Amino acid sequence: MDIQKYEAGQYTLQKRQFEFNSFIKEIQRSFESIASSRQITFSLNNFLPYPWYVCYDEKEIEKVLFNLLSNAFKFTAPRVVLY
């Protein structure tokens, strides 16, 4: 999220309730092919109860997680285990 826009009142979070376990599983699936192509073991160890609902801006959380994982894969050498 662009913090400056939010703090300046130019951006409003679109908070809504969504099921977090399904959400992170979908993100994990999005990175399976890149993990496979780079020979990186990538698994999801989720200990949250099912269902686990959160109330926040889903697109902003998705953006943050995609950026974190993209950088992790970008700077991880092949044949390394990421958890």
PDB file of N, CA and C in Angstrom:
ATOM      1  N   MET A   1       0.845  -1.175   0.000  1.00  0.00           N
ATOM      2  CA  MET A   1       0.000   0.000   0.000  1.00  0.00           C
ATOM      3  C   MET A   1       0.891   1.238   0.000  1.00  0.00           C
ATOM      4  N   ASP A   2       0.468   2.226  -0.703  1.00  0.00           N
ATOM      5  CA  ASP A   2       1.211   3.476  -0.729  1.00  0.00           C
ATOM      6  C   ASP A   2       0.861   4.264   0.525  1.00  0.00           C
ATOM      7  N   ILE A   3       1.744   4.214   1.504  1.00  0.00           N
ATOM      8  CA  ILE A   3       1.502   4.821   2.811  1.00  0.00           C
ATOM      9  C   ILE A   3       1.269   6.329   2.692  1.00  0.00           C
ATOM     10  N   GLN A   4       2.024   6.987   1.834  1.00  0.00           N
ATOM     11  CA  GLN A   4       1.876   8.433   1.699  1.00  0.00           C
ATOM     12  C   GLN A   4       0.468   8.810   1.213  1.00  0.00           C
ATOM     13  N   LYS A   5      -0.063   8.067   0.264  1.00  0.00           N
ATOM     14  CA  LYS A   5      -1.415   8.344  -0.223  1.00  0.00           C
ATOM     15  C   LYS A   5      -2.449   8.120   0.875  1.00  0.00           C
ATOM     16  N   TYR A   6      -2.267   7.040   1.626  1.00  0.00           N
ATOM     17  CA  TYR A   6      -3.199   6.741   2.714  1.00  0.00           C
ATOM     18  C   TYR A   6      -3.156   7.831   3.779  1.00  0.00           C
ATOM     19  N   GLU A   7      -1.959   8.214   4.189  1.00  0.00           N
ATOM     20  CA  GLU A   7      -1.823   9.239   5.221  1.00  0.00           C
ATOM     21  C   GLU A   7      -2.319  10.608   4.755  1.00  0.00           C
ATOM     22  N   ALA A   8      -2.217  10.868   3.464  1.00  0.00           N
ATOM     23  CA  ALA A   8      -2.673  12.148   2.924  1.00  0.00           C
ATOM     24  C   ALA A   8      -4.179  12.151   2.655  1.00  0.00           C
ATOM     25  N   GLY A   9      -4.834  11.018   2.918  1.00  0.00           N
ATOM     26  CA  GLY A   9      -6.274  10.937   2.695  1.00  0.00           C
ATOM     27  C   GLY A   9      -6.652  10.751   1.243  1.00  0.00           C
ATOM     28  N   GLN A  10      -5.688  10.399   0.400  1.00  0.00           N
ATOM     29  CA  GLN A  10      -5.947  10.199  -1.026  1.00  0.00           C
ATOM     30  C   GLN A  10      -6.324   8.753  -1.343  1.00  0.00           C
ATOM     31  N   TYR A  11      -6.266   7.902  -0.348  1.00  0.00           N
ATOM     32  CA  TYR A  11      -6.574   6.485  -0.555  1.00  0.00           C
ATOM     33  C   TYR A  11      -7.365   5.976   0.649  1.00  0.00           C
ATOM     34  N   THR A  12      -8.389   5.224   0.379  1.00  0.00           N
ATOM     35  CA  THR A  12      -9.199   4.636   1.435  1.00  0.00           C
ATOM     36  C   THR A  12      -9.124   3.124   1.331  1.00  0.00           C
ATOM     37  N   LEU A  13      -8.836   2.471   2.442  1.00  0.00           N
ATOM     38  CA  LEU A  13      -8.809   1.017   2.451  1.00  0.00           C
ATOM     39  C   LEU A  13     -10.211   0.484   2.220  1.00  0.00           C
ATOM     40  N   GLN A  14     -10.315  -0.548   1.404  1.00  0.00           N
ATOM     41  CA  GLN A  14     -11.596  -1.185   1.104  1.00  0.00           C
ATOM     42  C   GLN A  14     -11.732  -2.423   1.982  1.00  0.00           C
ATOM     43  N   LYS A  15     -12.007  -2.209   3.257  1.00  0.00           N
ATOM     44  CA  LYS A  15     -12.059  -3.312   4.209  1.00  0.00           C
ATOM     45  C   LYS A  15     -13.309  -4.148   3.996  1.00  0.00           C
ATOM     46  N   ARG A  16     -13.108  -5.453   4.008  1.00  0.00           N
ATOM     47  CA  ARG A  16     -14.217  -6.399   3.954  1.00  0.00           C
ATOM     48  C   ARG A  16     -13.760  -7.699   4.590  1.00  0.00           C
ATOM     49  N   GLN A  17     -14.700  -8.511   4.977  1.00  0.00           N
ATOM     50  CA  GLN A  17     -14.366  -9.780   5.605  1.00  0.00           C
ATOM     51  C   GLN A  17     -14.101 -10.827   4.525  1.00  0.00           C
ATOM     52  N   PHE A  18     -13.016 -11.594   4.694  1.00  0.00           N
ATOM     53  CA  PHE A  18     -12.737 -12.690   3.773  1.00  0.00           C
ATOM     54  C   PHE A  18     -12.039 -13.816   4.516  1.00  0.00           C
ATOM     55  N   GLU A  19     -12.089 -15.000   3.945  1.00  0.00           N
ATOM     56  CA  GLU A  19     -11.531 -16.198   4.569  1.00  0.00           C
ATOM     57  C   GLU A  19     -10.046 -16.275   4.231  1.00  0.00           C
ATOM     58  N   PHE A  20      -9.199 -16.155   5.232  1.00  0.00           N
ATOM     59  CA  PHE A  20      -7.759 -16.001   5.047  1.00  0.00           C
ATOM     60  C   PHE A  20      -7.070 -17.279   4.586  1.00  0.00           C
ATOM     61  N   ASN A  21      -7.506 -18.452   5.059  1.00  0.00           N
ATOM     62  CA  ASN A  21      -6.845 -19.706   4.668  1.00  0.00           C
ATOM     63  C   ASN A  21      -6.923 -19.937   3.160  1.00  0.00           C
ATOM     64  N   SER A  22      -8.101 -19.752   2.594  1.00  0.00           N
ATOM     65  CA  SER A  22      -8.259 -19.907   1.141  1.00  0.00           C
ATOM     66  C   SER A  22      -7.444 -18.863   0.394  1.00  0.00           C
ATOM     67  N   PHE A  23      -7.417 -17.675   0.929  1.00  0.00           N
ATOM     68  CA  PHE A  23      -6.678 -16.578   0.331  1.00  0.00           C
ATOM     69  C   PHE A  23      -5.183 -16.888   0.225  1.00  0.00           C
ATOM     70  N   ILE A  24      -4.575 -17.348   1.334  1.00  0.00           N
ATOM     71  CA  ILE A  24      -3.132 -17.613   1.279  1.00  0.00           C
ATOM     72  C   ILE A  24      -2.825 -18.876   0.475  1.00  0.00           C
ATOM     73  N   LYS A  25      -3.750 -19.831   0.449  1.00  0.00           N
ATOM     74  CA  LYS A  25      -3.553 -21.028  -0.382  1.00  0.00           C
ATOM     75  C   LYS A  25      -3.515 -20.643  -1.857  1.00  0.00           C
ATOM     76  N   GLU A  26      -4.383 -19.724  -2.254  1.00  0.00           N
ATOM     77  CA  GLU A  26      -4.398 -19.266  -3.643  1.00  0.00           C
ATOM     78  C   GLU A  26      -3.100 -18.543  -3.997  1.00  0.00           C
ATOM     79  N   ILE A  27      -2.587 -17.757  -3.092  1.00  0.00           N
ATOM     80  CA  ILE A  27      -1.304 -17.081  -3.333  1.00  0.00           C
ATOM     81  C   ILE A  27      -0.189 -18.112  -3.450  1.00  0.00           C
ATOM     82  N   GLN A  28      -0.205 -19.112  -2.585  1.00  0.00           N
ATOM     83  CA  GLN A  28       0.805 -20.168  -2.648  1.00  0.00           C
ATOM     84  C   GLN A  28       0.757 -20.868  -4.005  1.00  0.00           C
ATOM     85  N   ARG A  29      -0.445 -21.164  -4.493  1.00  0.00           N
ATOM     86  CA  ARG A  29      -0.594 -21.805  -5.813  1.00  0.00           C
ATOM     87  C   ARG A  29      -0.018 -20.927  -6.923  1.00  0.00           C
ATOM     88  N   SER A  30      -0.135 -19.625  -6.771  1.00  0.00           N
ATOM     89  CA  SER A  30       0.376 -18.699  -7.788  1.00  0.00           C
ATOM     90  C   SER A  30       1.892 -18.768  -7.931  1.00  0.00           C
ATOM     91  N   PHE A  31       2.569 -19.196  -6.877  1.00  0.00           N
ATOM     92  CA  PHE A  31       4.032 -19.240  -6.905  1.00  0.00           C
ATOM     93  C   PHE A  31       4.596 -20.652  -7.108  1.00  0.00           C
ATOM     94  N   GLU A  32       3.737 -21.655  -7.234  1.00  0.00           N
ATOM     95  CA  GLU A  32       4.219 -23.036  -7.399  1.00  0.00           C
ATOM     96  C   GLU A  32       5.060 -23.219  -8.655  1.00  0.00           C
ATOM     97  N   SER A  33       4.632 -22.615  -9.761  1.00  0.00           N
ATOM     98  CA  SER A  33       5.365 -22.817 -11.015  1.00  0.00           C
ATOM     99  C   SER A  33       6.747 -22.169 -10.984  1.00  0.00           C
ATOM    100  N   ILE A  34       6.846 -20.975 -10.419  1.00  0.00           N
ATOM    101  CA  ILE A  34       8.161 -20.339 -10.330  1.00  0.00           C
ATOM    102  C   ILE A  34       9.070 -21.115  -9.379  1.00  0.00           C
ATOM    103  N   ALA A  35       8.495 -21.636  -8.298  1.00  0.00           N
ATOM    104  CA  ALA A  35       9.288 -22.450  -7.370  1.00  0.00           C
ATOM    105  C   ALA A  35       9.804 -23.692  -8.082  1.00  0.00           C
ATOM    106  N   SER A  36       8.944 -24.338  -8.826  1.00  0.00           N
ATOM    107  CA  SER A  36       9.337 -25.548  -9.551  1.00  0.00           C
ATOM    108  C   SER A  36      10.410 -25.242 -10.597  1.00  0.00           C
ATOM    109  N   SER A  37      10.224 -24.169 -11.335  1.00  0.00           N
ATOM    110  CA  SER A  37      11.193 -23.841 -12.390  1.00  0.00           C
ATOM    111  C   SER A  37      12.559 -23.464 -11.816  1.00  0.00           C
ATOM    112  N   ARG A  38      12.581 -22.943 -10.587  1.00  0.00           N
ATOM    113  CA  ARG A  38      13.844 -22.571  -9.948  1.00  0.00           C
ATOM    114  C   ARG A  38      14.350 -23.653  -9.003  1.00  0.00           C
ATOM    115  N   GLN A  39      13.670 -24.782  -8.984  1.00  0.00           N
ATOM    116  CA  GLN A  39      14.032 -25.921  -8.125  1.00  0.00           C
ATOM    117  C   GLN A  39      14.077 -25.520  -6.649  1.00  0.00           C
ATOM    118  N   ILE A  40      13.076 -24.751  -6.241  1.00  0.00           N
ATOM    119  CA  ILE A  40      12.943 -24.319  -4.853  1.00  0.00           C
ATOM    120  C   ILE A  40      11.741 -25.036  -4.250  1.00  0.00           C
ATOM    121  N   THR A  41      11.940 -25.671  -3.127  1.00  0.00           N
ATOM    122  CA  THR A  41      10.828 -26.305  -2.430  1.00  0.00           C
ATOM    123  C   THR A  41      10.051 -25.218  -1.707  1.00  0.00           C
ATOM    124  N   PHE A  42       8.772 -25.122  -2.038  1.00  0.00           N
ATOM    125  CA  PHE A  42       7.922 -24.084  -1.470  1.00  0.00           C
ATOM    126  C   PHE A  42       6.642 -24.727  -0.971  1.00  0.00           C
ATOM    127  N   SER A  43       6.424 -24.646   0.328  1.00  0.00           N
ATOM    128  CA  SER A  43       5.212 -25.249   0.887  1.00  0.00           C
ATOM    129  C   SER A  43       4.546 -24.274   1.843  1.00  0.00           C
ATOM    130  N   LEU A  44       3.289 -24.530   2.098  1.00  0.00           N
ATOM    131  CA  LEU A  44       2.512 -23.699   3.003  1.00  0.00           C
ATOM    132  C   LEU A  44       2.234 -24.491   4.267  1.00  0.00           C
ATOM    133  N   ASN A  45       2.734 -24.020   5.375  1.00  0.00           N
ATOM    134  CA  ASN A  45       2.468 -24.618   6.681  1.00  0.00           C
ATOM    135  C   ASN A  45       1.538 -23.670   7.425  1.00  0.00           C
ATOM    136  N   ASN A  46       0.274 -23.991   7.394  1.00  0.00           N
ATOM    137  CA  ASN A  46      -0.744 -23.113   7.952  1.00  0.00           C
ATOM    138  C   ASN A  46      -1.381 -23.787   9.165  1.00  0.00           C
ATOM    139  N   PHE A  47      -1.277 -23.151  10.315  1.00  0.00           N
ATOM    140  CA  PHE A  47      -1.832 -23.711  11.546  1.00  0.00           C
ATOM    141  C   PHE A  47      -3.047 -22.923  12.046  1.00  0.00           C
ATOM    142  N   LEU A  48      -3.590 -22.070  11.190  1.00  0.00           N
ATOM    143  CA  LEU A  48      -4.790 -21.331  11.564  1.00  0.00           C
ATOM    144  C   LEU A  48      -5.995 -22.257  11.527  1.00  0.00           C
ATOM    145  N   PRO A  49      -6.961 -22.022  12.394  1.00  0.00           N
ATOM    146  CA  PRO A  49      -8.187 -22.828  12.320  1.00  0.00           C
ATOM    147  C   PRO A  49      -8.931 -22.512  11.022  1.00  0.00           C
ATOM    148  N   TYR A  50      -9.724 -23.471  10.574  1.00  0.00           N
ATOM    149  CA  TYR A  50     -10.495 -23.262   9.347  1.00  0.00           C
ATOM    150  C   TYR A  50     -11.969 -23.203   9.710  1.00  0.00           C
ATOM    151  N   PRO A  51     -12.703 -22.246   9.290  1.00  0.00           N
ATOM    152  CA  PRO A  51     -12.295 -21.047   8.553  1.00  0.00           C
ATOM    153  C   PRO A  51     -11.712 -19.993   9.488  1.00  0.00           C
ATOM    154  N   TRP A  52     -10.897 -19.119   8.925  1.00  0.00           N
ATOM    155  CA  TRP A  52     -10.295 -18.022   9.682  1.00  0.00           C
ATOM    156  C   TRP A  52     -10.587 -16.738   8.907  1.00  0.00           C
ATOM    157  N   TYR A  53     -11.489 -15.945   9.441  1.00  0.00           N
ATOM    158  CA  TYR A  53     -11.901 -14.729   8.757  1.00  0.00           C
ATOM    159  C   TYR A  53     -11.120 -13.524   9.267  1.00  0.00           C
ATOM    160  N   VAL A  54     -10.757 -12.662   8.336  1.00  0.00           N
ATOM    161  CA  VAL A  54     -10.129 -11.394   8.666  1.00  0.00           C
ATOM    162  C   VAL A  54     -10.925 -10.288   7.981  1.00  0.00           C
ATOM    163  N   CYS A  55     -10.776  -9.105   8.480  1.00  0.00           N
ATOM    164  CA  CYS A  55     -11.460  -7.959   7.888  1.00  0.00           C
ATOM    165  C   CYS A  55     -10.409  -6.914   7.546  1.00  0.00           C
ATOM    166  N   TYR A  56     -10.097  -6.814   6.273  1.00  0.00           N
ATOM    167  CA  TYR A  56      -9.105  -5.858   5.819  1.00  0.00           C
ATOM    168  C   TYR A  56      -9.234  -5.688   4.313  1.00  0.00           C
ATOM    169  N   ASP A  57      -8.375  -4.890   3.730  1.00  0.00           N
ATOM    170  CA  ASP A  57      -8.380  -4.676   2.288  1.00  0.00           C
ATOM    171  C   ASP A  57      -7.635  -5.839   1.627  1.00  0.00           C
ATOM    172  N   GLU A  58      -8.390  -6.733   1.045  1.00  0.00           N
ATOM    173  CA  GLU A  58      -7.820  -7.960   0.465  1.00  0.00           C
ATOM    174  C   GLU A  58      -6.797  -7.663  -0.628  1.00  0.00           C
ATOM    175  N   LYS A  59      -7.080  -6.700  -1.474  1.00  0.00           N
ATOM    176  CA  LYS A  59      -6.138  -6.369  -2.559  1.00  0.00           C
ATOM    177  C   LYS A  59      -4.815  -5.846  -2.020  1.00  0.00           C
ATOM    178  N   GLU A  60      -4.854  -5.080  -0.935  1.00  0.00           N
ATOM    179  CA  GLU A  60      -3.621  -4.559  -0.366  1.00  0.00           C
ATOM    180  C   GLU A  60      -2.800  -5.669   0.294  1.00  0.00           C
ATOM    181  N   ILE A  61      -3.460  -6.583   0.990  1.00  0.00           N
ATOM    182  CA  ILE A  61      -2.745  -7.720   1.584  1.00  0.00           C
ATOM    183  C   ILE A  61      -2.136  -8.579   0.476  1.00  0.00           C
ATOM    184  N   GLU A  62      -2.896  -8.786  -0.586  1.00  0.00           N
ATOM    185  CA  GLU A  62      -2.393  -9.566  -1.717  1.00  0.00           C
ATOM    186  C   GLU A  62      -1.156  -8.899  -2.315  1.00  0.00           C
ATOM    187  N   LYS A  63      -1.197  -7.596  -2.467  1.00  0.00           N
ATOM    188  CA  LYS A  63      -0.062  -6.854  -3.028  1.00  0.00           C
ATOM    189  C   LYS A  63       1.184  -7.028  -2.155  1.00  0.00           C
ATOM    190  N   VAL A  64       1.011  -6.919  -0.839  1.00  0.00           N
ATOM    191  CA  VAL A  64       2.138  -7.061   0.091  1.00  0.00           C
ATOM    192  C   VAL A  64       2.721  -8.470   0.017  1.00  0.00           C
ATOM    193  N   LEU A  65       1.853  -9.487   0.076  1.00  0.00           N
ATOM    194  CA  LEU A  65       2.345 -10.872   0.032  1.00  0.00           C
ATOM    195  C   LEU A  65       3.018 -11.194  -1.295  1.00  0.00           C
ATOM    196  N   PHE A  66       2.457 -10.717  -2.408  1.00  0.00           N
ATOM    197  CA  PHE A  66       3.075 -10.959  -3.711  1.00  0.00           C
ATOM    198  C   PHE A  66       4.450 -10.294  -3.784  1.00  0.00           C
ATOM    199  N   ASN A  67       4.566  -9.087  -3.269  1.00  0.00           N
ATOM    200  CA  ASN A  67       5.870  -8.408  -3.279  1.00  0.00           C
ATOM    201  C   ASN A  67       6.890  -9.153  -2.427  1.00  0.00           C
ATOM    202  N   LEU A  68       6.477  -9.568  -1.224  1.00  0.00           N
ATOM    203  CA  LEU A  68       7.388 -10.312  -0.350  1.00  0.00           C
ATOM    204  C   LEU A  68       7.841 -11.622  -0.992  1.00  0.00           C
ATOM    205  N   LEU A  69       6.888 -12.372  -1.523  1.00  0.00           N
ATOM    206  CA  LEU A  69       7.247 -13.662  -2.127  1.00  0.00           C
ATOM    207  C   LEU A  69       8.045 -13.487  -3.417  1.00  0.00           C
ATOM    208  N   SER A  70       7.693 -12.499  -4.203  1.00  0.00           N
ATOM    209  CA  SER A  70       8.460 -12.246  -5.432  1.00  0.00           C
ATOM    210  C   SER A  70       9.917 -11.949  -5.106  1.00  0.00           C
ATOM    211  N   ASN A  71      10.135 -11.116  -4.101  1.00  0.00           N
ATOM    212  CA  ASN A  71      11.507 -10.817  -3.695  1.00  0.00           C
ATOM    213  C   ASN A  71      12.194 -12.036  -3.106  1.00  0.00           C
ATOM    214  N   ALA A  72      11.473 -12.830  -2.342  1.00  0.00           N
ATOM    215  CA  ALA A  72      12.070 -14.045  -1.768  1.00  0.00           C
ATOM    216  C   ALA A  72      12.532 -14.984  -2.872  1.00  0.00           C
ATOM    217  N   PHE A  73      11.705 -15.191  -3.893  1.00  0.00           N
ATOM    218  CA  PHE A  73      12.109 -16.068  -4.996  1.00  0.00           C
ATOM    219  C   PHE A  73      13.211 -15.441  -5.830  1.00  0.00           C
ATOM    220  N   LYS A  74      13.168 -14.151  -5.987  1.00  0.00           N
ATOM    221  CA  LYS A  74      14.184 -13.450  -6.773  1.00  0.00           C
ATOM    222  C   LYS A  74      15.572 -13.601  -6.153  1.00  0.00           C
ATOM    223  N   PHE A  75      15.642 -13.582  -4.814  1.00  0.00           N
ATOM    224  CA  PHE A  75      16.932 -13.599  -4.142  1.00  0.00           C
ATOM    225  C   PHE A  75      17.254 -14.930  -3.464  1.00  0.00           C
ATOM    226  N   THR A  76      16.507 -15.978  -3.786  1.00  0.00           N
ATOM    227  CA  THR A  76      16.770 -17.298  -3.227  1.00  0.00           C
ATOM    228  C   THR A  76      17.454 -18.154  -4.288  1.00  0.00           C
ATOM    229  N   ALA A  77      18.555 -18.761  -3.908  1.00  0.00           N
ATOM    230  CA  ALA A  77      19.265 -19.635  -4.831  1.00  0.00           C
ATOM    231  C   ALA A  77      18.452 -20.912  -5.058  1.00  0.00           C
ATOM    232  N   PRO A  78      18.577 -21.522  -6.231  1.00  0.00           N
ATOM    233  CA  PRO A  78      17.874 -22.782  -6.485  1.00  0.00           C
ATOM    234  C   PRO A  78      18.245 -23.855  -5.439  1.00  0.00           C
ATOM    235  N   ARG A  79      17.323 -24.788  -5.244  1.00  0.00           N
ATOM    236  CA  ARG A  79      17.491 -25.937  -4.354  1.00  0.00           C
ATOM    237  C   ARG A  79      17.537 -25.554  -2.876  1.00  0.00           C
ATOM    238  N   VAL A  80      16.874 -24.487  -2.525  1.00  0.00           N
ATOM    239  CA  VAL A  80      16.780 -24.053  -1.135  1.00  0.00           C
ATOM    240  C   VAL A  80      15.327 -24.251  -0.695  1.00  0.00           C
ATOM    241  N   VAL A  81      15.123 -24.582   0.541  1.00  0.00           N
ATOM    242  CA  VAL A  81      13.777 -24.800   1.059  1.00  0.00           C
ATOM    243  C   VAL A  81      13.260 -23.521   1.691  1.00  0.00           C
ATOM    244  N   LEU A  82      12.075 -23.053   1.243  1.00  0.00           N
ATOM    245  CA  LEU A  82      11.397 -21.885   1.821  1.00  0.00           C
ATOM    246  C   LEU A  82      10.153 -22.374   2.542  1.00  0.00           C
ATOM    247  N   TYR A  83       9.928 -21.919   3.741  1.00  0.00           N
ATOM    248  CA  TYR A  83       8.723 -22.277   4.480  1.00  0.00           C
ATOM    249  C   TYR A  83       7.953 -21.044   4.837  1.00  0.00           C
TER     250      TYR A  83
END
